[in-house]
Amino acid sequence: MRRSHLAGRPLPTYGHPSKAPQSNNGTGACRVGGRETVSRKRYVARGVPGGYRIWDNRGRRWWGDLYELCPDDLLAELNGQTDQARITALLKRYRAQKR
C-alpha cells in the first residue's frame, strides 16, 4: 500500500490566525504565506503615444484626459482619500498645463 506524502505530519490548518495577511505599515504591501505582495491599485498611469493616460482597473477603461506629464498627485488622490474638491483642482491644474 502506498503511503501519503503527508504521513506522520499534522494536517494543515487553514484559517489559522498566524496565516492571516499582515499589514506592512501602510505601504500597500502585505505578507501572505511568507511572501510580500503589493495590493493592486484601482487607478494607474499608462504610457501612451503623446503622454500618459489613467487606466481604471476596476472599470477596465480609460479615465480622464491625455496628460503630457505623469499625473502622480492625481493618481495618489484617486487611490487614496478621493476628496472630490482636490481631484477637481488637480484636473483643472493639469488641463491648464496642456494649453
Protein backbone atom coordinates (compact mmCIF):
# COMPACT_ATOMS: atom_id res chain seq x y z
CA MET A 1 0.00 0.00 0.00
CA ARG A 2 1.27 3.50 -0.90
CA ARG A 3 1.96 5.97 1.83
CA SER A 4 0.73 9.53 1.61
CA HIS A 5 3.34 12.27 1.32
CA LEU A 6 1.69 13.78 4.45
CA ALA A 7 2.08 10.63 6.54
CA GLY A 8 3.22 11.47 10.01
CA ARG A 9 2.73 15.21 9.56
CA PRO A 10 -0.09 17.23 11.08
CA LEU A 11 -2.74 18.33 8.62
CA PRO A 12 -2.54 21.98 7.55
CA THR A 13 -4.91 24.29 9.42
CA TYR A 14 -6.46 26.80 7.06
CA GLY A 15 -7.79 29.97 8.58
CA HIS A 16 -5.28 29.91 11.42
CA PRO A 17 -4.56 33.42 12.77
CA SER A 18 -0.83 33.09 12.03
CA LYS A 19 -1.65 32.65 8.32
CA ALA A 20 -3.71 35.86 8.09
CA PRO A 21 -2.36 38.65 5.87
CA GLN A 22 -0.28 41.15 7.81
CA SER A 23 -0.14 44.84 7.00
CA ASN A 24 3.23 46.43 6.26
CA ASN A 25 2.93 49.88 7.87
CA GLY A 26 0.62 51.44 5.29
CA THR A 27 2.93 50.87 2.32
CA GLY A 28 0.29 48.91 0.42
CA ALA A 29 2.35 45.74 0.77
CA CYS A 30 1.05 42.70 2.60
CA ARG A 31 2.67 39.47 3.76
CA VAL A 32 0.80 36.32 2.77
CA GLY A 33 2.32 32.91 3.45
CA GLY A 34 5.83 34.35 3.87
CA ARG A 35 5.71 36.26 0.56
CA GLU A 36 5.29 40.01 0.31
CA THR A 37 2.63 41.10 -2.14
CA VAL A 38 1.62 44.56 -3.30
CA SER A 39 -2.04 45.48 -3.50
CA ARG A 40 -3.39 46.23 -6.93
CA LYS A 41 -4.22 49.90 -7.36
CA ARG A 42 -7.54 50.87 -8.91
CA TYR A 43 -6.10 53.75 -10.97
CA VAL A 44 -2.70 53.53 -12.69
CA ALA A 45 -0.90 55.72 -15.22
CA ARG A 46 -0.03 54.06 -18.51
CA GLY A 47 2.27 55.46 -21.12
CA VAL A 48 0.60 56.00 -24.48
CA PRO A 49 1.81 57.81 -27.60
CA GLY A 50 1.90 61.50 -26.70
CA GLY A 51 1.95 61.16 -22.91
CA TYR A 52 0.08 59.32 -20.17
CA ARG A 53 -3.49 58.20 -19.60
CA ILE A 54 -5.13 56.93 -16.43
CA TRP A 55 -6.43 53.36 -16.56
CA ASP A 56 -9.24 52.24 -14.23
CA ASN A 57 -8.51 48.61 -13.29
CA ARG A 58 -11.96 48.03 -11.81
CA GLY A 59 -13.91 49.56 -14.71
CA ARG A 60 -11.33 48.37 -17.27
CA ARG A 61 -11.42 51.60 -19.22
CA TRP A 62 -9.55 54.87 -19.62
CA TRP A 63 -10.33 57.64 -17.14
CA GLY A 64 -9.80 61.34 -17.82
CA ASP A 65 -7.71 63.07 -20.46
CA LEU A 66 -4.32 62.55 -22.05
CA TYR A 67 -1.56 64.07 -19.89
CA GLU A 68 1.88 65.11 -21.15
CA LEU A 69 3.48 64.54 -17.72
CA CYS A 70 2.69 61.67 -15.38
CA PRO A 71 -0.11 62.84 -13.01
CA ASP A 72 1.37 61.35 -9.83
CA ASP A 73 -0.51 63.54 -7.33
CA LEU A 74 -3.82 62.96 -9.14
CA LEU A 75 -3.24 59.19 -9.01
CA ALA A 76 -2.38 59.39 -5.31
CA GLU A 77 -5.62 61.25 -4.63
CA LEU A 78 -7.72 58.86 -6.74
CA ASN A 79 -6.27 55.80 -4.99
CA GLY A 80 -6.24 57.40 -1.55
CA GLN A 81 -8.63 59.86 0.09
CA THR A 82 -10.69 60.62 -3.08
CA ASP A 83 -11.54 64.16 -1.98
CA GLN A 84 -13.72 65.50 -4.81
CA ALA A 85 -12.63 69.14 -4.35
CA ARG A 86 -8.94 68.18 -4.51
CA ILE A 87 -9.48 65.96 -7.56
CA THR A 88 -11.30 68.81 -9.34
CA ALA A 89 -8.47 71.23 -8.51
CA LEU A 90 -5.87 68.77 -9.79
CA LEU A 91 -7.83 68.19 -13.03
CA LYS A 92 -8.02 71.95 -13.62
CA ARG A 93 -4.29 72.27 -13.00
CA TYR A 94 -3.41 69.51 -15.47
CA ARG A 95 -5.78 70.93 -18.11
CA ALA A 96 -4.12 74.35 -17.72
CA GLN A 97 -0.68 72.74 -18.28
CA LYS A 98 -1.86 71.36 -21.64
CA ARG A 99 -2.60 74.84 -23.02
